[in-house]
Amino acid sequence: MDDFLIYSGYLILLLNLILYSYSFFRKGKANVFFVAYLAFAFLMQFSMEVMYFLRMKNQFVINIFFAGQMILLGLFYNSLLQIKNQKIFVKTTLAVSLLIFGFQLVLDPYQFVKLNLFEIILTSSLLVVYALIHLYNMLTDNKKYYYISFGFVMYLLSSTVLFLVGNLSSGLSDDVKFLTWIFNAFLILVLQFFILYEWIKSFSAKASLV
């Protein structure tokens, strides 16, 4: 069951990367930062899977993923926002967050090779705020990337809780640890279906006829 969820998530992610890349390179419609995010996410997932089979520690890849995800999705939402103050907020918080991470690594370089919960919480929280701002703007605007934003809010809030539970699970049973990772794999799969549904509604041939 766990392998099915994990590899199904990878397959839908690859499908989304292909579809959105087609919409960007052939149709010129998909957002370049979001396509870059999908490519980055697939590369990170593939790298973590290879390192897992080679029995290598991959915590540093997870840290790279969360930082890269924050940057690319931050730029994605910045490109969608039209209000100047909102764009300034996104750019400022991105820059400050990167400075904080850099300062943290200078003080404690070991943070790079272990699971950095502070980074996970901060990056996920910022992306939830960006997505909520975009959702709020869509109350009076076109619902562009609506399903993607809703999916990210749901996924990031839930996965952050799971990472916190996982970090505190050293004293818990193996069954509890296993359930947290299974649920996280399920959340990733649901997120990818939200992204796929967005493509169907906004970029497919059927959508262009509406």
Protein backbone atom coordinates (compact mmCIF):
# COMPACT_ATOMS: atom_id res chain seq x y z
CA MET A 1 0.00 0.00 0.00
CA ASP A 2 2.78 2.44 0.90
CA ASP A 3 4.70 1.72 -2.32
CA PHE A 4 1.51 2.17 -4.34
CA LEU A 5 0.86 5.61 -2.84
CA ILE A 6 4.48 6.75 -3.19
CA TYR A 7 4.97 5.63 -6.78
CA SER A 8 1.49 6.81 -7.81
CA GLY A 9 2.47 10.26 -6.53
CA TYR A 10 5.68 10.13 -8.58
CA LEU A 11 3.80 9.10 -11.73
CA ILE A 12 1.20 11.86 -11.41
CA LEU A 13 3.98 14.37 -10.71
CA LEU A 14 5.77 13.26 -13.90
CA LEU A 15 2.49 13.48 -15.84
CA ASN A 16 1.90 16.99 -14.50
CA LEU A 17 5.43 18.01 -15.46
CA ILE A 18 4.87 16.78 -19.02
CA LEU A 19 1.46 18.43 -19.37
CA TYR A 20 2.45 21.80 -17.92
CA SER A 21 5.72 21.80 -19.90
CA TYR A 22 3.69 21.22 -23.07
CA SER A 23 1.34 24.07 -22.14
CA PHE A 24 4.33 26.34 -21.54
CA PHE A 25 6.62 25.49 -24.46
CA ARG A 26 3.96 24.79 -27.10
CA LYS A 27 1.06 26.96 -25.96
CA GLY A 28 2.86 29.69 -23.99
CA LYS A 29 0.17 29.59 -21.29
CA ALA A 30 1.51 27.81 -18.21
CA ASN A 31 3.48 29.86 -15.68
CA VAL A 32 7.25 29.42 -16.09
CA PHE A 33 7.91 29.40 -12.34
CA PHE A 34 5.33 26.68 -11.77
CA VAL A 35 6.80 24.53 -14.54
CA ALA A 36 10.23 25.06 -12.96
CA TYR A 37 8.78 24.00 -9.60
CA LEU A 38 7.39 20.76 -11.06
CA ALA A 39 10.75 19.97 -12.69
CA PHE A 40 12.58 20.74 -9.44
CA ALA A 41 10.14 18.64 -7.38
CA PHE A 42 10.53 15.66 -9.72
CA LEU A 43 14.33 15.94 -9.62
CA MET A 44 14.33 16.09 -5.82
CA GLN A 45 11.94 13.14 -5.47
CA PHE A 46 14.02 11.09 -7.91
CA SER A 47 17.22 11.97 -6.03
CA MET A 48 15.73 11.00 -2.68
CA GLU A 49 14.48 7.71 -4.10
CA VAL A 50 17.92 6.85 -5.53
CA MET A 51 19.62 7.73 -2.24
CA TYR A 52 17.10 5.61 -0.33
CA PHE A 53 17.91 2.54 -2.47
CA LEU A 54 21.63 3.21 -2.02
CA ARG A 55 21.05 3.46 1.75
CA MET A 56 22.39 7.00 1.83
CA LYS A 57 21.15 9.71 4.18
CA ASN A 58 18.93 12.12 2.27
CA GLN A 59 17.98 14.68 4.92
CA PHE A 60 20.03 17.38 3.17
CA VAL A 61 18.03 16.78 -0.02
CA ILE A 62 14.83 17.37 1.95
CA ASN A 63 16.26 20.67 3.20
CA ILE A 64 17.18 21.68 -0.35
CA PHE A 65 13.69 20.72 -1.51
CA PHE A 66 11.90 22.91 1.04
CA ALA A 67 14.14 25.91 0.36
CA GLY A 68 13.81 25.50 -3.42
CA GLN A 69 10.07 24.96 -3.13
CA MET A 70 9.73 28.21 -1.17
CA ILE A 71 11.75 30.17 -3.74
CA LEU A 72 10.05 28.82 -6.87
CA LEU A 73 6.50 28.90 -5.51
CA GLY A 74 7.18 32.31 -3.96
CA LEU A 75 8.21 33.60 -7.40
CA PHE A 76 5.18 31.85 -8.88
CA TYR A 77 2.77 33.67 -6.57
CA ASN A 78 4.67 36.92 -6.94
CA SER A 79 4.12 36.71 -10.70
CA LEU A 80 0.38 36.19 -10.18
CA LEU A 81 -0.15 39.06 -7.73
CA GLN A 82 -1.10 42.45 -9.15
CA ILE A 83 -1.18 44.58 -6.00
CA LYS A 84 2.15 46.32 -5.35
CA ASN A 85 2.11 45.92 -1.55
CA GLN A 86 1.43 42.20 -1.87
CA LYS A 87 4.34 41.76 -4.30
CA ILE A 88 6.64 43.70 -1.95
CA PHE A 89 5.53 41.45 0.94
CA VAL A 90 6.34 38.27 -1.00
CA LYS A 91 9.76 39.49 -2.16
CA THR A 92 10.68 40.83 1.29
CA THR A 93 9.67 37.69 3.19
CA LEU A 94 11.50 35.49 0.67
CA ALA A 95 14.68 37.52 1.04
CA VAL A 96 14.47 37.65 4.85
CA SER A 97 13.83 33.90 5.05
CA LEU A 98 16.87 33.12 2.90
CA LEU A 99 19.01 35.40 5.07
CA ILE A 100 17.74 33.63 8.19
CA PHE A 101 18.59 30.22 6.71
CA GLY A 102 22.03 31.43 5.69
CA PHE A 103 22.69 32.84 9.16
CA GLN A 104 21.47 29.59 10.72
CA LEU A 105 23.89 27.54 8.60
CA VAL A 106 26.80 29.83 9.51
CA LEU A 107 26.06 29.33 13.20
CA ASP A 108 25.39 25.60 12.87
CA PRO A 109 26.46 23.97 9.55
CA TYR A 110 25.16 20.63 10.85
CA GLN A 111 21.62 21.92 10.24
CA PHE A 112 22.19 21.28 6.53
CA VAL A 113 22.62 17.51 6.91
CA LYS A 114 19.76 16.86 9.32
CA LEU A 115 16.03 17.44 9.07
CA ASN A 116 15.60 21.17 9.71
CA LEU A 117 12.16 21.56 11.27
CA PHE A 118 12.51 25.33 11.57
CA GLU A 119 13.07 25.58 7.81
CA ILE A 120 10.12 23.29 7.08
CA ILE A 121 7.73 25.26 9.30
CA LEU A 122 8.85 28.68 8.05
CA THR A 123 8.87 27.83 4.34
CA SER A 124 5.53 26.00 4.51
CA SER A 125 3.91 28.79 6.53
CA LEU A 126 5.03 31.45 4.05
CA LEU A 127 3.71 29.47 1.09
CA VAL A 128 0.36 28.99 2.83
CA VAL A 129 0.17 32.78 3.34
CA TYR A 130 1.06 33.43 -0.33
CA ALA A 131 -1.57 30.93 -1.50
CA LEU A 132 -4.22 32.41 0.81
CA ILE A 133 -3.47 35.91 -0.49
CA HIS A 134 -3.95 34.64 -4.04
CA LEU A 135 -7.18 32.86 -3.08
CA TYR A 136 -8.44 36.05 -1.45
CA ASN A 137 -7.66 38.06 -4.57
CA MET A 138 -9.63 35.56 -6.65
CA LEU A 139 -12.81 36.44 -4.77
CA THR A 140 -13.06 39.42 -7.13
CA ASP A 141 -10.84 38.18 -9.97
CA ASN A 142 -10.49 35.27 -12.38
CA LYS A 143 -9.89 31.95 -10.67
CA LYS A 144 -6.44 31.37 -12.15
CA TYR A 145 -4.52 28.53 -10.47
CA TYR A 146 -7.37 28.24 -7.98
CA TYR A 147 -7.21 24.46 -7.53
CA ILE A 148 -3.43 24.50 -7.25
CA SER A 149 -3.56 27.11 -4.50
CA PHE A 150 -6.28 25.28 -2.60
CA GLY A 151 -4.30 22.04 -2.89
CA PHE A 152 -1.12 23.64 -1.59
CA VAL A 153 -2.88 25.16 1.44
CA MET A 154 -4.36 21.77 2.34
CA TYR A 155 -1.13 19.86 1.71
CA LEU A 156 1.32 22.25 3.40
CA LEU A 157 -0.74 22.64 6.56
CA SER A 158 -1.23 18.88 6.89
CA SER A 159 2.32 17.85 5.98
CA THR A 160 3.84 20.36 8.41
CA VAL A 161 1.87 18.76 11.23
CA LEU A 162 3.07 15.33 10.09
CA PHE A 163 6.72 16.45 10.07
CA LEU A 164 6.29 17.75 13.61
CA VAL A 165 4.75 14.46 14.68
CA GLY A 166 7.52 12.55 12.94
CA ASN A 167 10.15 14.56 14.78
CA LEU A 168 8.49 13.76 18.09
CA SER A 169 7.87 10.12 17.22
CA SER A 170 11.13 8.69 18.59
CA GLY A 171 9.18 7.49 21.63
CA LEU A 172 6.18 6.33 19.63
CA SER A 173 5.56 2.90 18.14
CA ASP A 174 6.73 1.91 14.66
CA ASP A 175 3.07 1.60 13.62
CA VAL A 176 2.45 5.28 14.42
CA LYS A 177 5.58 6.34 12.51
CA PHE A 178 4.49 4.21 9.56
CA LEU A 179 1.01 5.75 9.54
CA THR A 180 2.41 9.30 9.47
CA TRP A 181 4.54 8.54 6.40
CA ILE A 182 1.65 6.73 4.68
CA PHE A 183 -0.62 9.72 5.26
CA ASN A 184 2.06 12.08 3.92
CA ALA A 185 2.36 9.98 0.75
CA PHE A 186 -1.43 10.14 0.43
CA LEU A 187 -1.38 13.95 0.81
CA ILE A 188 1.28 14.25 -1.92
CA LEU A 189 -0.88 12.14 -4.23
CA VAL A 190 -3.94 14.31 -3.50
CA LEU A 191 -1.90 17.47 -4.19
CA GLN A 192 -0.77 16.11 -7.54
CA PHE A 193 -4.38 15.35 -8.46
CA PHE A 194 -5.31 18.96 -7.63
CA ILE A 195 -2.51 20.12 -9.94
CA LEU A 196 -3.68 17.73 -12.66
CA TYR A 197 -7.28 18.91 -12.27
CA GLU A 198 -6.09 22.52 -12.65
CA TRP A 199 -4.46 21.62 -15.97
CA ILE A 200 -7.64 19.91 -17.18
CA LYS A 201 -9.79 22.91 -16.21
CA SER A 202 -7.43 25.66 -17.41
CA PHE A 203 -5.03 24.37 -20.07
CA SER A 204 -6.45 21.32 -21.81
CA ALA A 205 -7.95 21.46 -25.31
CA LYS A 206 -11.42 21.18 -23.77
CA ALA A 207 -10.75 24.16 -21.51
CA SER A 208 -9.63 26.31 -24.45
CA LEU A 209 -13.02 25.75 -26.11
CA VAL A 210 -14.93 27.08 -23.12
